[in-house]
């Protein structure tokens, strides 16, 4: 499985950034509740139960910073976390969970779009995709929204520990090929595992480069 290479200095910069304090700042269920832009922001998007909260916790070295639930659709608001006053992490509501109800799902989508269009300091959106299955139609729909909003996004495959190496390499190549055709997508795709900390130092290094 071919991963992007980062220098020891980049890895250390990422480690130091995410080793600092990380505090919950605000939660927003409507656009009027969004905090004013202040720090560079990195947003986390993905299907419900893809592992967004687990990834946020793994990056920051904490177990309970972001709520982890086995019930898809539990996160119903945008949650903001300040990383040492240098970077804002934004956990977006999950999408693709039909049991949440059409109206609630529509509200989530509307709030996310409002956020994407109104954040001049948004550096990147990480689009989390289950590495066992690859990009699904709902992921491609979200990518269309990102492209239309001119928001730079990067696909991060999750649950690498649950995929055999040969399958992981094929999934990575397949995902990169699809991403390469997207106008607003970052060309590099990372494969991570929150449980085994695979790809976590590399993702920290990537994000530290945006501060």
C-alpha atoms as a PDB file:
ATOM      1  CA  UNK A   1       0.000   0.000   0.000  1.00  0.00           C
ATOM      2  CA  UNK A   2       1.699   3.198  -1.188  1.00  0.00           C
ATOM      3  CA  UNK A   3       1.374   6.060   1.290  1.00  0.00           C
ATOM      4  CA  UNK A   4       2.597   9.657   0.847  1.00  0.00           C
ATOM      5  CA  UNK A   5       5.987  10.247   2.453  1.00  0.00           C
ATOM      6  CA  UNK A   6       6.540  12.792   5.214  1.00  0.00           C
ATOM      7  CA  UNK A   7       9.859  13.839   6.724  1.00  0.00           C
ATOM      8  CA  UNK A   8      10.717  13.266  10.363  1.00  0.00           C
ATOM      9  CA  UNK A   9      10.402  17.024  10.892  1.00  0.00           C
ATOM     10  CA  UNK A  10       6.879  17.048   9.443  1.00  0.00           C
ATOM     11  CA  UNK A  11       5.843  14.085  11.586  1.00  0.00           C
ATOM     12  CA  UNK A  12       7.228  15.800  14.691  1.00  0.00           C
ATOM     13  CA  UNK A  13       5.474  19.068  13.842  1.00  0.00           C
ATOM     14  CA  UNK A  14       2.197  17.189  13.581  1.00  0.00           C
ATOM     15  CA  UNK A  15       2.810  15.333  16.829  1.00  0.00           C
ATOM     16  CA  UNK A  16       3.524  18.534  18.721  1.00  0.00           C
ATOM     17  CA  UNK A  17       0.450  20.283  17.310  1.00  0.00           C
ATOM     18  CA  UNK A  18      -1.918  17.503  18.326  1.00  0.00           C
ATOM     19  CA  UNK A  19      -0.205  16.906  21.672  1.00  0.00           C
ATOM     20  CA  UNK A  20      -1.362  20.330  22.845  1.00  0.00           C
ATOM     21  CA  UNK A  21      -4.641  21.139  24.594  1.00  0.00           C
ATOM     22  CA  UNK A  22      -7.842  20.548  22.659  1.00  0.00           C
ATOM     23  CA  UNK A  23     -11.048  22.014  24.009  1.00  0.00           C
ATOM     24  CA  UNK A  24     -14.680  21.943  22.990  1.00  0.00           C
ATOM     25  CA  UNK A  25     -15.684  25.446  21.890  1.00  0.00           C
ATOM     26  CA  UNK A  26     -19.238  25.287  20.576  1.00  0.00           C
ATOM     27  CA  UNK A  27     -21.942  23.165  19.035  1.00  0.00           C
ATOM     28  CA  UNK A  28     -24.306  24.456  16.356  1.00  0.00           C
ATOM     29  CA  UNK A  29     -27.585  23.024  15.095  1.00  0.00           C
ATOM     30  CA  UNK A  30     -28.549  26.097  13.049  1.00  0.00           C
ATOM     31  CA  UNK A  31     -26.477  28.567  11.037  1.00  0.00           C
ATOM     32  CA  UNK A  32     -27.084  31.363  13.541  1.00  0.00           C
ATOM     33  CA  UNK A  33     -25.269  29.324  16.206  1.00  0.00           C
ATOM     34  CA  UNK A  34     -22.037  28.971  14.227  1.00  0.00           C
ATOM     35  CA  UNK A  35     -19.118  30.651  16.033  1.00  0.00           C
ATOM     36  CA  UNK A  36     -17.402  33.527  14.254  1.00  0.00           C
ATOM     37  CA  UNK A  37     -14.394  32.438  12.177  1.00  0.00           C
ATOM     38  CA  UNK A  38     -11.208  32.958  14.162  1.00  0.00           C
ATOM     39  CA  UNK A  39      -8.686  30.153  13.563  1.00  0.00           C
ATOM     40  CA  UNK A  40      -7.777  28.090  10.490  1.00  0.00           C
ATOM     41  CA  UNK A  41     -10.380  25.322  10.318  1.00  0.00           C
ATOM     42  CA  UNK A  42     -10.295  21.651   9.332  1.00  0.00           C
ATOM     43  CA  UNK A  43     -13.670  19.964   8.985  1.00  0.00           C
ATOM     44  CA  UNK A  44     -14.432  16.250   9.193  1.00  0.00           C
ATOM     45  CA  UNK A  45     -17.233  14.910   7.010  1.00  0.00           C
ATOM     46  CA  UNK A  46     -18.435  11.405   6.240  1.00  0.00           C
ATOM     47  CA  UNK A  47     -21.231   8.884   6.306  1.00  0.00           C
ATOM     48  CA  UNK A  48     -22.771   8.104   9.665  1.00  0.00           C
ATOM     49  CA  UNK A  49     -20.719   5.497  11.528  1.00  0.00           C
ATOM     50  CA  UNK A  50     -17.676   5.943   9.258  1.00  0.00           C
ATOM     51  CA  UNK A  51     -15.563   6.752  12.304  1.00  0.00           C
ATOM     52  CA  UNK A  52     -15.381  10.565  12.338  1.00  0.00           C
ATOM     53  CA  UNK A  53     -15.455  10.913  16.108  1.00  0.00           C
ATOM     54  CA  UNK A  54     -13.001   8.039  16.537  1.00  0.00           C
ATOM     55  CA  UNK A  55     -10.569   9.734  14.137  1.00  0.00           C
ATOM     56  CA  UNK A  56     -10.816  13.082  15.950  1.00  0.00           C
ATOM     57  CA  UNK A  57     -10.113  11.280  19.225  1.00  0.00           C
ATOM     58  CA  UNK A  58      -7.185   9.351  17.714  1.00  0.00           C
ATOM     59  CA  UNK A  59      -5.606  12.477  16.249  1.00  0.00           C
ATOM     60  CA  UNK A  60      -5.799  14.325  19.560  1.00  0.00           C
ATOM     61  CA  UNK A  61      -4.820  11.306  21.672  1.00  0.00           C
ATOM     62  CA  UNK A  62      -8.041  11.458  23.642  1.00  0.00           C
ATOM     63  CA  UNK A  63     -10.780   8.896  24.142  1.00  0.00           C
ATOM     64  CA  UNK A  64     -13.773  11.104  24.856  1.00  0.00           C
ATOM     65  CA  UNK A  65     -13.172  14.448  23.114  1.00  0.00           C
ATOM     66  CA  UNK A  66     -15.670  13.662  20.363  1.00  0.00           C
ATOM     67  CA  UNK A  67     -18.616  11.430  21.184  1.00  0.00           C
ATOM     68  CA  UNK A  68     -18.301   7.939  19.728  1.00  0.00           C
ATOM     69  CA  UNK A  69     -21.537   6.058  19.207  1.00  0.00           C
ATOM     70  CA  UNK A  70     -22.560   2.723  17.743  1.00  0.00           C
ATOM     71  CA  UNK A  71     -25.829   4.357  16.753  1.00  0.00           C
ATOM     72  CA  UNK A  72     -25.561   5.969  13.295  1.00  0.00           C
ATOM     73  CA  UNK A  73     -26.875   9.502  13.091  1.00  0.00           C
ATOM     74  CA  UNK A  74     -26.165  10.365  16.728  1.00  0.00           C
ATOM     75  CA  UNK A  75     -24.153  13.504  15.908  1.00  0.00           C
ATOM     76  CA  UNK A  76     -26.787  16.052  14.893  1.00  0.00           C
ATOM     77  CA  UNK A  77     -24.798  19.261  15.111  1.00  0.00           C
ATOM     78  CA  UNK A  78     -21.500  20.838  14.091  1.00  0.00           C
ATOM     79  CA  UNK A  79     -19.000  20.539  16.953  1.00  0.00           C
ATOM     80  CA  UNK A  80     -16.008  22.900  17.179  1.00  0.00           C
ATOM     81  CA  UNK A  81     -12.771  22.027  19.033  1.00  0.00           C
ATOM     82  CA  UNK A  82      -9.865  24.448  19.467  1.00  0.00           C
ATOM     83  CA  UNK A  83      -6.470  22.767  19.111  1.00  0.00           C
ATOM     84  CA  UNK A  84      -4.158  24.831  21.296  1.00  0.00           C
ATOM     85  CA  UNK A  85      -5.536  28.068  19.857  1.00  0.00           C
ATOM     86  CA  UNK A  86      -3.827  27.238  16.546  1.00  0.00           C
ATOM     87  CA  UNK A  87      -6.377  25.161  14.647  1.00  0.00           C
ATOM     88  CA  UNK A  88     -10.126  24.586  14.849  1.00  0.00           C
ATOM     89  CA  UNK A  89     -11.387  21.040  14.294  1.00  0.00           C
ATOM     90  CA  UNK A  90     -14.998  20.877  13.113  1.00  0.00           C
ATOM     91  CA  UNK A  91     -16.938  17.615  13.356  1.00  0.00           C
ATOM     92  CA  UNK A  92     -19.772  17.777  10.813  1.00  0.00           C
ATOM     93  CA  UNK A  93     -22.964  15.708  11.158  1.00  0.00           C
ATOM     94  CA  UNK A  94     -22.904  12.337   9.444  1.00  0.00           C
ATOM     95  CA  UNK A  95     -24.870  11.788   6.264  1.00  0.00           C
ATOM     96  CA  UNK A  96     -26.397   8.791   4.542  1.00  0.00           C
ATOM     97  CA  UNK A  97     -28.361   7.555   7.545  1.00  0.00           C
ATOM     98  CA  UNK A  98     -31.903   7.082   6.264  1.00  0.00           C
ATOM     99  CA  UNK A  99     -33.367   6.120   9.644  1.00  0.00           C
ATOM    100  CA  UNK A 100     -32.793   9.632  10.960  1.00  0.00           C
ATOM    101  CA  UNK A 101     -35.794  10.889   9.036  1.00  0.00           C
ATOM    102  CA  UNK A 102     -35.951  12.935   5.867  1.00  0.00           C
ATOM    103  CA  UNK A 103     -36.507  16.320   7.539  1.00  0.00           C
ATOM    104  CA  UNK A 104     -33.647  15.900  10.004  1.00  0.00           C
ATOM    105  CA  UNK A 105     -31.341  14.709   7.225  1.00  0.00           C
ATOM    106  CA  UNK A 106     -32.305  17.731   5.130  1.00  0.00           C
ATOM    107  CA  UNK A 107     -31.532  20.043   8.054  1.00  0.00           C
ATOM    108  CA  UNK A 108     -28.104  18.476   8.479  1.00  0.00           C
ATOM    109  CA  UNK A 109     -27.304  18.938   4.813  1.00  0.00           C
ATOM    110  CA  UNK A 110     -28.497  22.548   4.818  1.00  0.00           C
ATOM    111  CA  UNK A 111     -26.432  23.431   7.888  1.00  0.00           C
ATOM    112  CA  UNK A 112     -23.319  21.782   6.427  1.00  0.00           C
ATOM    113  CA  UNK A 113     -23.720  23.673   3.154  1.00  0.00           C
ATOM    114  CA  UNK A 114     -24.237  26.957   5.036  1.00  0.00           C
ATOM    115  CA  UNK A 115     -21.029  26.253   6.937  1.00  0.00           C
ATOM    116  CA  UNK A 116     -19.043  25.364   3.800  1.00  0.00           C
ATOM    117  CA  UNK A 117     -20.077  28.521   1.982  1.00  0.00           C
ATOM    118  CA  UNK A 118     -19.517  30.897   4.878  1.00  0.00           C
ATOM    119  CA  UNK A 119     -16.108  29.986   6.305  1.00  0.00           C
ATOM    120  CA  UNK A 120     -13.297  31.963   4.649  1.00  0.00           C
ATOM    121  CA  UNK A 121     -10.751  30.380   7.007  1.00  0.00           C
ATOM    122  CA  UNK A 122     -11.744  26.783   6.191  1.00  0.00           C
ATOM    123  CA  UNK A 123      -8.480  25.237   5.027  1.00  0.00           C
ATOM    124  CA  UNK A 124      -9.716  21.771   4.127  1.00  0.00           C
ATOM    125  CA  UNK A 125     -12.498  19.255   4.593  1.00  0.00           C
ATOM    126  CA  UNK A 126     -11.484  15.690   5.322  1.00  0.00           C
ATOM    127  CA  UNK A 127     -13.994  13.378   3.660  1.00  0.00           C
ATOM    128  CA  UNK A 128     -13.882  10.127   5.597  1.00  0.00           C
ATOM    129  CA  UNK A 129     -14.754   6.987   3.647  1.00  0.00           C
ATOM    130  CA  UNK A 130     -15.016   3.443   5.011  1.00  0.00           C
ATOM    131  CA  UNK A 131     -11.942   1.687   3.615  1.00  0.00           C
ATOM    132  CA  UNK A 132     -13.764  -1.643   3.510  1.00  0.00           C
ATOM    133  CA  UNK A 133     -16.238  -0.402   0.924  1.00  0.00           C
ATOM    134  CA  UNK A 134     -14.750   2.630  -0.824  1.00  0.00           C
ATOM    135  CA  UNK A 135     -16.697   5.570  -2.225  1.00  0.00           C
ATOM    136  CA  UNK A 136     -20.471   5.156  -2.204  1.00  0.00           C
ATOM    137  CA  UNK A 137     -23.112   7.162  -4.070  1.00  0.00           C
ATOM    138  CA  UNK A 138     -23.757   9.335  -1.012  1.00  0.00           C
ATOM    139  CA  UNK A 139     -20.029  10.156  -0.830  1.00  0.00           C
ATOM    140  CA  UNK A 140     -20.030  11.145  -4.486  1.00  0.00           C
ATOM    141  CA  UNK A 141     -23.076  13.358  -3.855  1.00  0.00           C
ATOM    142  CA  UNK A 142     -21.196  15.163  -1.087  1.00  0.00           C
ATOM    143  CA  UNK A 143     -18.178  15.544  -3.364  1.00  0.00           C
ATOM    144  CA  UNK A 144     -20.479  17.298  -5.853  1.00  0.00           C
ATOM    145  CA  UNK A 145     -21.450  19.759  -3.110  1.00  0.00           C
ATOM    146  CA  UNK A 146     -17.783  20.345  -2.269  1.00  0.00           C
ATOM    147  CA  UNK A 147     -16.881  20.881  -5.925  1.00  0.00           C
ATOM    148  CA  UNK A 148     -19.766  23.320  -6.393  1.00  0.00           C
ATOM    149  CA  UNK A 149     -18.783  25.198  -3.219  1.00  0.00           C
ATOM    150  CA  UNK A 150     -15.102  25.342  -4.301  1.00  0.00           C
ATOM    151  CA  UNK A 151     -14.103  23.768  -0.983  1.00  0.00           C
ATOM    152  CA  UNK A 152     -10.785  21.932  -0.963  1.00  0.00           C
ATOM    153  CA  UNK A 153     -11.328  18.427   0.399  1.00  0.00           C
ATOM    154  CA  UNK A 154      -9.208  15.342   0.940  1.00  0.00           C
ATOM    155  CA  UNK A 155     -10.437  11.763   1.070  1.00  0.00           C
ATOM    156  CA  UNK A 156      -9.293   9.788   4.111  1.00  0.00           C
ATOM    157  CA  UNK A 157     -10.048   6.078   4.125  1.00  0.00           C
ATOM    158  CA  UNK A 158     -10.827   4.659   7.577  1.00  0.00           C
ATOM    159  CA  UNK A 159     -10.743   1.233   9.271  1.00  0.00           C
ATOM    160  CA  UNK A 160      -7.487   0.137   7.612  1.00  0.00           C
ATOM    161  CA  UNK A 161      -7.060  -2.553  10.276  1.00  0.00           C
ATOM    162  CA  UNK A 162     -10.142  -4.313   8.907  1.00  0.00           C
ATOM    163  CA  UNK A 163      -8.827  -4.538   5.330  1.00  0.00           C
ATOM    164  CA  UNK A 164      -6.240  -7.019   4.045  1.00  0.00           C
ATOM    165  CA  UNK A 165      -3.081  -5.395   2.591  1.00  0.00           C
ATOM    166  CA  UNK A 166      -3.782  -6.467  -0.994  1.00  0.00           C
ATOM    167  CA  UNK A 167      -7.361  -5.194  -0.789  1.00  0.00           C
ATOM    168  CA  UNK A 168      -6.169  -1.974   0.858  1.00  0.00           C
ATOM    169  CA  UNK A 169      -3.731  -1.266  -1.984  1.00  0.00           C
ATOM    170  CA  UNK A 170      -6.478  -1.837  -4.556  1.00  0.00           C
ATOM    171  CA  UNK A 171      -8.915   0.369  -2.628  1.00  0.00           C
ATOM    172  CA  UNK A 172      -6.330   3.143  -2.385  1.00  0.00           C
ATOM    173  CA  UNK A 173      -5.592   3.033  -6.122  1.00  0.00           C
ATOM    174  CA  UNK A 174      -9.293   2.933  -6.991  1.00  0.00           C
ATOM    175  CA  UNK A 175     -10.071   5.893  -4.732  1.00  0.00           C
ATOM    176  CA  UNK A 176      -7.170   7.963  -6.049  1.00  0.00           C
ATOM    177  CA  UNK A 177      -8.342   7.380  -9.612  1.00  0.00           C
ATOM    178  CA  UNK A 178     -11.837   8.652  -8.796  1.00  0.00           C
ATOM    179  CA  UNK A 179     -10.511  11.611  -6.797  1.00  0.00           C
ATOM    180  CA  UNK A 180      -8.218  12.682  -9.641  1.00  0.00           C
ATOM    181  CA  UNK A 181     -11.257  13.609 -11.723  1.00  0.00           C
ATOM    182  CA  UNK A 182     -12.616  16.015  -9.096  1.00  0.00           C
ATOM    183  CA  UNK A 183     -11.871  19.723  -9.459  1.00  0.00           C
ATOM    184  CA  UNK A 184     -11.699  20.635  -5.750  1.00  0.00           C
ATOM    185  CA  UNK A 185     -10.210  17.411  -4.415  1.00  0.00           C
ATOM    186  CA  UNK A 186      -6.731  17.162  -2.948  1.00  0.00           C
ATOM    187  CA  UNK A 187      -4.912  14.513  -5.018  1.00  0.00           C
ATOM    188  CA  UNK A 188      -3.489  12.568  -2.089  1.00  0.00           C
ATOM    189  CA  UNK A 189      -5.556   9.905  -0.296  1.00  0.00           C
ATOM    190  CA  UNK A 190      -4.616   8.597   3.150  1.00  0.00           C
ATOM    191  CA  UNK A 191      -5.569   5.238   4.711  1.00  0.00           C
ATOM    192  CA  UNK A 192      -6.047   5.308   8.498  1.00  0.00           C
ATOM    193  CA  UNK A 193      -7.097   3.195  11.442  1.00  0.00           C
ATOM    194  CA  UNK A 194      -8.156   4.959  14.632  1.00  0.00           C
ATOM    195  CA  UNK A 195      -8.006   1.665  16.544  1.00  0.00           C
ATOM    196  CA  UNK A 196      -4.449   0.757  15.498  1.00  0.00           C
ATOM    197  CA  UNK A 197      -3.176   4.342  14.951  1.00  0.00           C
ATOM    198  CA  UNK A 198      -2.299   3.514  11.347  1.00  0.00           C
ATOM    199  CA  UNK A 199      -1.797   6.633   9.225  1.00  0.00           C
ATOM    200  CA  UNK A 200      -2.436   8.907  12.213  1.00  0.00           C
ATOM    201  CA  UNK A 201       1.094  10.444  12.369  1.00  0.00           C
ATOM    202  CA  UNK A 202       0.947  11.095   8.613  1.00  0.00           C
ATOM    203  CA  UNK A 203      -2.470  12.750   8.822  1.00  0.00           C
ATOM    204  CA  UNK A 204      -1.280  14.917  11.711  1.00  0.00           C
ATOM    205  CA  UNK A 205       1.708  15.979   9.592  1.00  0.00           C
ATOM    206  CA  UNK A 206      -0.574  16.805   6.653  1.00  0.00           C
ATOM    207  CA  UNK A 207      -2.838  18.962   8.812  1.00  0.00           C
ATOM    208  CA  UNK A 208       0.033  20.672  10.627  1.00  0.00           C
ATOM    209  CA  UNK A 209       1.198  21.902   7.234  1.00  0.00           C
ATOM    210  CA  UNK A 210      -2.043  23.888   6.925  1.00  0.00           C
ATOM    211  CA  UNK A 211      -1.583  25.892  10.134  1.00  0.00           C
END
